[in-house]
N, C-alpha and C. Protein backbone atom coordinates (compact mmCIF):
# COMPACT_ATOMS: atom_id res chain seq x y z
N MET A 1 0.82 -1.17 0.01
CA MET A 1 0.02 -0.01 -0.02
C MET A 1 0.86 1.25 0.01
N GLY A 2 2.13 1.11 -0.25
CA GLY A 2 3.10 2.13 -0.45
C GLY A 2 2.80 3.58 -0.17
N ALA A 3 2.35 4.30 -1.17
CA ALA A 3 2.12 5.75 -1.06
C ALA A 3 1.06 6.06 -0.02
N LEU A 4 0.10 5.18 0.17
CA LEU A 4 -0.95 5.43 1.11
C LEU A 4 -0.41 5.41 2.55
N ALA A 5 0.61 4.61 2.81
CA ALA A 5 1.19 4.52 4.10
C ALA A 5 1.90 5.84 4.49
N ASN A 6 2.32 6.60 3.48
CA ASN A 6 3.06 7.87 3.73
C ASN A 6 2.14 9.09 3.84
N ARG A 7 0.86 8.87 3.81
CA ARG A 7 -0.08 9.96 3.86
C ARG A 7 -0.01 10.64 5.21
N PRO A 8 -0.17 11.99 5.26
CA PRO A 8 -0.09 12.70 6.55
C PRO A 8 -1.35 12.40 7.38
N THR A 9 -1.19 12.55 8.69
CA THR A 9 -2.36 12.45 9.56
C THR A 9 -3.17 13.70 9.44
N THR A 10 -4.40 13.66 9.90
CA THR A 10 -5.27 14.85 9.77
C THR A 10 -4.72 16.00 10.59
N VAL A 11 -4.01 15.74 11.68
CA VAL A 11 -3.40 16.81 12.49
C VAL A 11 -2.30 17.51 11.70
N GLN A 12 -1.50 16.73 11.00
CA GLN A 12 -0.36 17.29 10.23
C GLN A 12 -0.85 18.07 9.00
N MET A 13 -2.08 17.81 8.54
CA MET A 13 -2.55 18.38 7.29
C MET A 13 -2.63 19.88 7.33
N ALA A 14 -2.86 20.47 8.48
CA ALA A 14 -2.94 21.94 8.58
C ALA A 14 -1.68 22.64 8.14
N TYR A 15 -0.58 21.93 8.13
CA TYR A 15 0.73 22.49 7.78
C TYR A 15 1.10 22.27 6.32
N LEU A 16 0.26 21.61 5.58
CA LEU A 16 0.56 21.29 4.18
C LEU A 16 0.23 22.49 3.29
N ASN A 17 0.98 22.57 2.17
CA ASN A 17 0.65 23.68 1.22
C ASN A 17 -0.59 23.33 0.44
N ASP A 18 -1.10 24.32 -0.26
CA ASP A 18 -2.37 24.15 -0.99
C ASP A 18 -2.32 23.06 -2.05
N ALA A 19 -1.23 22.95 -2.80
CA ALA A 19 -1.13 21.95 -3.85
C ALA A 19 -1.24 20.54 -3.28
N VAL A 20 -0.59 20.30 -2.13
CA VAL A 20 -0.65 18.97 -1.51
C VAL A 20 -2.05 18.73 -0.96
N LEU A 21 -2.67 19.76 -0.42
CA LEU A 21 -4.08 19.59 0.08
C LEU A 21 -5.02 19.26 -1.07
N TRP A 22 -4.84 19.89 -2.26
CA TRP A 22 -5.69 19.54 -3.41
C TRP A 22 -5.50 18.12 -3.77
N GLN A 23 -4.27 17.63 -3.73
CA GLN A 23 -4.00 16.20 -4.04
C GLN A 23 -4.74 15.32 -3.05
N ALA A 24 -4.67 15.66 -1.77
CA ALA A 24 -5.34 14.87 -0.75
C ALA A 24 -6.85 14.92 -0.89
N ALA A 25 -7.34 16.10 -1.24
CA ALA A 25 -8.83 16.25 -1.41
C ALA A 25 -9.37 15.44 -2.54
N ARG A 26 -8.50 15.14 -3.52
CA ARG A 26 -8.95 14.36 -4.68
C ARG A 26 -8.45 12.92 -4.65
N SER A 27 -7.86 12.52 -3.55
CA SER A 27 -7.27 11.21 -3.50
C SER A 27 -8.35 10.10 -3.44
N THR A 28 -8.00 8.95 -3.95
CA THR A 28 -8.86 7.79 -3.91
C THR A 28 -8.02 6.57 -3.66
N LEU A 29 -8.67 5.48 -3.39
CA LEU A 29 -7.97 4.20 -3.28
C LEU A 29 -7.39 3.87 -4.66
N PRO A 30 -6.24 3.27 -4.67
CA PRO A 30 -5.72 2.80 -5.96
C PRO A 30 -6.70 1.83 -6.61
N PRO A 31 -6.78 1.84 -7.94
CA PRO A 31 -7.75 0.98 -8.62
C PRO A 31 -7.70 -0.49 -8.22
N ALA A 32 -6.53 -1.06 -8.03
CA ALA A 32 -6.41 -2.46 -7.64
C ALA A 32 -7.04 -2.74 -6.30
N LEU A 33 -6.83 -1.85 -5.34
CA LEU A 33 -7.44 -2.02 -4.03
C LEU A 33 -8.94 -1.83 -4.05
N ARG A 34 -9.36 -0.83 -4.83
CA ARG A 34 -10.79 -0.58 -4.97
C ARG A 34 -11.50 -1.79 -5.60
N GLN A 35 -10.89 -2.35 -6.64
CA GLN A 35 -11.48 -3.53 -7.31
C GLN A 35 -11.50 -4.73 -6.38
N ARG A 36 -10.44 -4.88 -5.58
CA ARG A 36 -10.39 -5.99 -4.62
C ARG A 36 -11.49 -5.85 -3.60
N LEU A 37 -11.70 -4.65 -3.06
CA LEU A 37 -12.74 -4.39 -2.09
C LEU A 37 -14.11 -4.66 -2.70
N GLU A 38 -14.33 -4.23 -3.89
CA GLU A 38 -15.59 -4.48 -4.57
C GLU A 38 -15.84 -5.98 -4.75
N LEU A 39 -14.78 -6.68 -5.14
CA LEU A 39 -14.89 -8.17 -5.29
C LEU A 39 -15.25 -8.81 -3.97
N LEU A 40 -14.59 -8.37 -2.89
CA LEU A 40 -14.86 -8.97 -1.57
C LEU A 40 -16.29 -8.66 -1.11
N HIS A 41 -16.77 -7.43 -1.38
CA HIS A 41 -18.15 -7.12 -1.04
C HIS A 41 -19.15 -7.99 -1.79
N THR A 42 -18.88 -8.18 -3.10
CA THR A 42 -19.74 -9.03 -3.93
C THR A 42 -19.73 -10.44 -3.41
N ARG A 43 -18.56 -10.94 -3.15
CA ARG A 43 -18.41 -12.31 -2.66
C ARG A 43 -19.09 -12.45 -1.30
N GLN A 44 -18.98 -11.49 -0.43
CA GLN A 44 -19.57 -11.55 0.87
C GLN A 44 -21.12 -11.62 0.77
N GLN A 45 -21.69 -10.88 -0.20
CA GLN A 45 -23.14 -10.87 -0.36
C GLN A 45 -23.63 -12.19 -0.94
N ARG A 46 -22.82 -12.84 -1.78
CA ARG A 46 -23.26 -14.06 -2.47
C ARG A 46 -23.00 -15.31 -1.66
N ALA A 47 -21.81 -15.46 -1.10
CA ALA A 47 -21.45 -16.75 -0.49
C ALA A 47 -20.73 -16.64 0.83
N GLY A 48 -20.48 -15.44 1.26
CA GLY A 48 -19.70 -15.24 2.49
C GLY A 48 -18.20 -15.28 2.21
N LEU A 49 -17.45 -14.87 3.24
CA LEU A 49 -16.02 -14.78 3.10
C LEU A 49 -15.31 -15.71 4.08
N SER A 50 -14.15 -16.16 3.67
CA SER A 50 -13.32 -16.93 4.58
C SER A 50 -12.79 -15.94 5.67
N PHE A 51 -12.20 -16.53 6.68
CA PHE A 51 -11.66 -15.71 7.77
C PHE A 51 -10.60 -14.73 7.22
N ASP A 52 -9.72 -15.19 6.36
CA ASP A 52 -8.67 -14.34 5.81
C ASP A 52 -9.27 -13.26 4.90
N GLU A 53 -10.28 -13.64 4.12
CA GLU A 53 -10.92 -12.66 3.24
C GLU A 53 -11.65 -11.58 4.07
N GLN A 54 -12.30 -12.01 5.14
CA GLN A 54 -12.99 -11.07 6.01
C GLN A 54 -11.99 -10.09 6.64
N ALA A 55 -10.86 -10.59 7.07
CA ALA A 55 -9.82 -9.73 7.63
C ALA A 55 -9.31 -8.75 6.58
N GLU A 56 -9.11 -9.24 5.37
CA GLU A 56 -8.65 -8.37 4.27
C GLU A 56 -9.70 -7.29 3.99
N ALA A 57 -10.97 -7.70 3.94
CA ALA A 57 -12.05 -6.73 3.67
C ALA A 57 -12.08 -5.66 4.76
N GLU A 58 -11.91 -6.05 5.97
CA GLU A 58 -11.91 -5.09 7.09
C GLU A 58 -10.76 -4.11 6.96
N ARG A 59 -9.56 -4.62 6.59
CA ARG A 59 -8.40 -3.72 6.39
C ARG A 59 -8.66 -2.75 5.26
N LEU A 60 -9.21 -3.24 4.15
CA LEU A 60 -9.48 -2.36 3.02
C LEU A 60 -10.57 -1.36 3.35
N GLU A 61 -11.59 -1.75 4.08
CA GLU A 61 -12.64 -0.83 4.47
C GLU A 61 -12.07 0.25 5.39
N GLN A 62 -11.17 -0.08 6.29
CA GLN A 62 -10.53 0.91 7.15
C GLN A 62 -9.71 1.89 6.36
N LEU A 63 -8.97 1.36 5.40
CA LEU A 63 -8.17 2.21 4.52
C LEU A 63 -9.09 3.13 3.72
N TYR A 64 -10.22 2.61 3.29
CA TYR A 64 -11.19 3.43 2.55
C TYR A 64 -11.72 4.53 3.43
N ARG A 65 -12.12 4.20 4.67
CA ARG A 65 -12.59 5.21 5.60
C ARG A 65 -11.51 6.28 5.89
N ASP A 66 -10.28 5.83 6.05
CA ASP A 66 -9.18 6.75 6.29
C ASP A 66 -8.99 7.70 5.09
N THR A 67 -9.16 7.15 3.88
CA THR A 67 -9.05 7.97 2.66
C THR A 67 -10.14 9.02 2.66
N LEU A 68 -11.36 8.64 3.03
CA LEU A 68 -12.47 9.61 3.10
C LEU A 68 -12.20 10.69 4.12
N LEU A 69 -11.64 10.30 5.27
CA LEU A 69 -11.34 11.27 6.31
C LEU A 69 -10.28 12.27 5.83
N VAL A 70 -9.25 11.78 5.18
CA VAL A 70 -8.21 12.67 4.66
C VAL A 70 -8.78 13.62 3.60
N ARG A 71 -9.62 13.08 2.70
CA ARG A 71 -10.27 13.92 1.72
C ARG A 71 -11.09 15.03 2.35
N ALA A 72 -11.91 14.65 3.32
CA ALA A 72 -12.79 15.59 3.98
C ALA A 72 -11.99 16.68 4.70
N GLN A 73 -10.95 16.27 5.42
CA GLN A 73 -10.14 17.24 6.16
C GLN A 73 -9.43 18.19 5.19
N ALA A 74 -8.94 17.64 4.09
CA ALA A 74 -8.28 18.50 3.09
C ALA A 74 -9.28 19.51 2.52
N ALA A 75 -10.50 19.07 2.23
CA ALA A 75 -11.54 19.97 1.71
C ALA A 75 -11.86 21.08 2.71
N VAL A 76 -11.96 20.70 3.95
CA VAL A 76 -12.24 21.74 5.02
C VAL A 76 -11.12 22.76 5.06
N LEU A 77 -9.89 22.30 5.05
CA LEU A 77 -8.74 23.23 5.07
C LEU A 77 -8.70 24.12 3.88
N LEU A 78 -8.98 23.58 2.71
CA LEU A 78 -9.00 24.35 1.47
C LEU A 78 -10.09 25.40 1.52
N GLN A 79 -11.26 25.01 2.01
CA GLN A 79 -12.36 25.95 2.15
C GLN A 79 -12.00 27.08 3.09
N GLN A 80 -11.37 26.72 4.22
CA GLN A 80 -10.95 27.75 5.17
C GLN A 80 -9.92 28.70 4.55
N ARG A 81 -9.20 28.23 3.57
CA ARG A 81 -8.20 29.08 2.88
C ARG A 81 -8.84 29.83 1.72
N GLY A 82 -10.12 29.70 1.57
CA GLY A 82 -10.88 30.51 0.59
C GLY A 82 -11.06 29.84 -0.77
N TYR A 83 -10.81 28.58 -0.89
CA TYR A 83 -10.98 27.90 -2.16
C TYR A 83 -12.41 27.32 -2.31
N ASP A 84 -12.80 27.19 -3.58
CA ASP A 84 -14.06 26.55 -3.93
C ASP A 84 -13.86 25.03 -3.83
N VAL A 85 -14.62 24.41 -2.96
CA VAL A 85 -14.51 22.95 -2.79
C VAL A 85 -15.80 22.25 -3.17
N THR A 86 -16.40 22.72 -4.24
CA THR A 86 -17.63 22.08 -4.75
C THR A 86 -17.31 20.75 -5.39
N VAL A 87 -18.30 19.99 -5.69
CA VAL A 87 -18.14 18.70 -6.36
C VAL A 87 -17.30 18.88 -7.63
N ALA A 88 -17.59 19.89 -8.40
CA ALA A 88 -16.84 20.10 -9.64
C ALA A 88 -15.39 20.41 -9.37
N ALA A 89 -15.11 21.24 -8.35
CA ALA A 89 -13.76 21.60 -8.02
C ALA A 89 -12.94 20.41 -7.54
N LEU A 90 -13.63 19.56 -6.81
CA LEU A 90 -12.96 18.36 -6.26
C LEU A 90 -12.93 17.21 -7.23
N LYS A 91 -13.56 17.43 -8.38
CA LYS A 91 -13.62 16.37 -9.42
C LYS A 91 -14.23 15.09 -8.86
N MET A 92 -15.34 15.25 -8.14
CA MET A 92 -15.94 14.11 -7.48
C MET A 92 -16.79 13.25 -8.38
N ASN A 93 -17.03 13.69 -9.61
CA ASN A 93 -17.75 12.83 -10.52
C ASN A 93 -16.80 12.07 -11.47
N HIS A 94 -15.56 12.03 -11.10
CA HIS A 94 -14.58 11.23 -11.79
C HIS A 94 -14.98 9.78 -11.68
N GLU A 95 -14.60 8.99 -12.65
CA GLU A 95 -14.98 7.56 -12.72
C GLU A 95 -14.66 6.80 -11.39
N GLU A 96 -13.49 7.13 -10.81
CA GLU A 96 -13.10 6.45 -9.56
C GLU A 96 -14.04 6.83 -8.43
N ILE A 97 -14.47 8.09 -8.40
CA ILE A 97 -15.34 8.53 -7.32
C ILE A 97 -16.73 7.92 -7.48
N VAL A 98 -17.20 7.87 -8.67
CA VAL A 98 -18.52 7.23 -8.91
C VAL A 98 -18.50 5.77 -8.47
N ALA A 99 -17.40 5.08 -8.78
CA ALA A 99 -17.23 3.71 -8.36
C ALA A 99 -17.15 3.61 -6.82
N ALA A 100 -16.50 4.57 -6.22
CA ALA A 100 -16.41 4.59 -4.76
C ALA A 100 -17.80 4.79 -4.13
N ARG A 101 -18.61 5.68 -4.71
CA ARG A 101 -19.97 5.89 -4.19
C ARG A 101 -20.77 4.61 -4.27
N ARG A 102 -20.56 3.83 -5.33
CA ARG A 102 -21.29 2.55 -5.44
C ARG A 102 -20.89 1.65 -4.26
N LEU A 103 -19.63 1.64 -3.91
CA LEU A 103 -19.18 0.84 -2.76
C LEU A 103 -19.84 1.36 -1.48
N TRP A 104 -19.93 2.67 -1.35
CA TRP A 104 -20.56 3.23 -0.13
C TRP A 104 -22.00 2.72 0.00
N VAL A 105 -22.74 2.69 -1.13
CA VAL A 105 -24.10 2.21 -1.10
C VAL A 105 -24.14 0.72 -0.69
N GLU A 106 -23.25 -0.06 -1.33
CA GLU A 106 -23.20 -1.50 -0.99
C GLU A 106 -22.86 -1.75 0.46
N ALA A 107 -21.98 -0.90 1.02
CA ALA A 107 -21.56 -1.07 2.42
C ALA A 107 -22.57 -0.50 3.39
N GLY A 108 -23.61 0.21 2.88
CA GLY A 108 -24.58 0.83 3.72
C GLY A 108 -24.16 2.18 4.29
N TRP A 109 -23.12 2.78 3.74
CA TRP A 109 -22.62 4.07 4.24
C TRP A 109 -23.29 5.23 3.56
N HIS A 110 -23.99 4.99 2.47
CA HIS A 110 -24.59 6.08 1.69
C HIS A 110 -25.97 5.60 1.22
N PRO A 111 -26.98 6.40 1.28
CA PRO A 111 -26.96 7.75 1.79
C PRO A 111 -26.86 7.78 3.32
N PRO A 112 -26.43 8.89 3.88
CA PRO A 112 -26.25 8.93 5.34
C PRO A 112 -27.59 8.74 6.07
N LYS A 113 -27.54 8.07 7.17
CA LYS A 113 -28.72 7.87 7.98
C LYS A 113 -28.85 9.06 8.95
N GLU A 114 -30.02 9.60 9.08
CA GLU A 114 -30.18 10.72 9.99
C GLU A 114 -30.71 10.29 11.34
């Protein structure tokens, strides 16, 4: 998970420059990890997962949640610095983001429950 392991914590993010924050705000899981998570979700719904697969799915889901947290924190910081952080500015309708939203729905994370 290379580059993802080097990601700053949300506390450190306040000290990042704008260009790095924009990168963080637009970050996604790498395609291979996203596809693996999608496969595990599908497999879980159809036949269940082995112990090892369940552990892998939990690790990937945590990584996914961490990615969302970093994105959200970066967007907040950019907005505080006066930038437009709308869906268009964040490029949230990019193919990867649309695929991620599909995973959110499958995982029961979207739409938010009130």
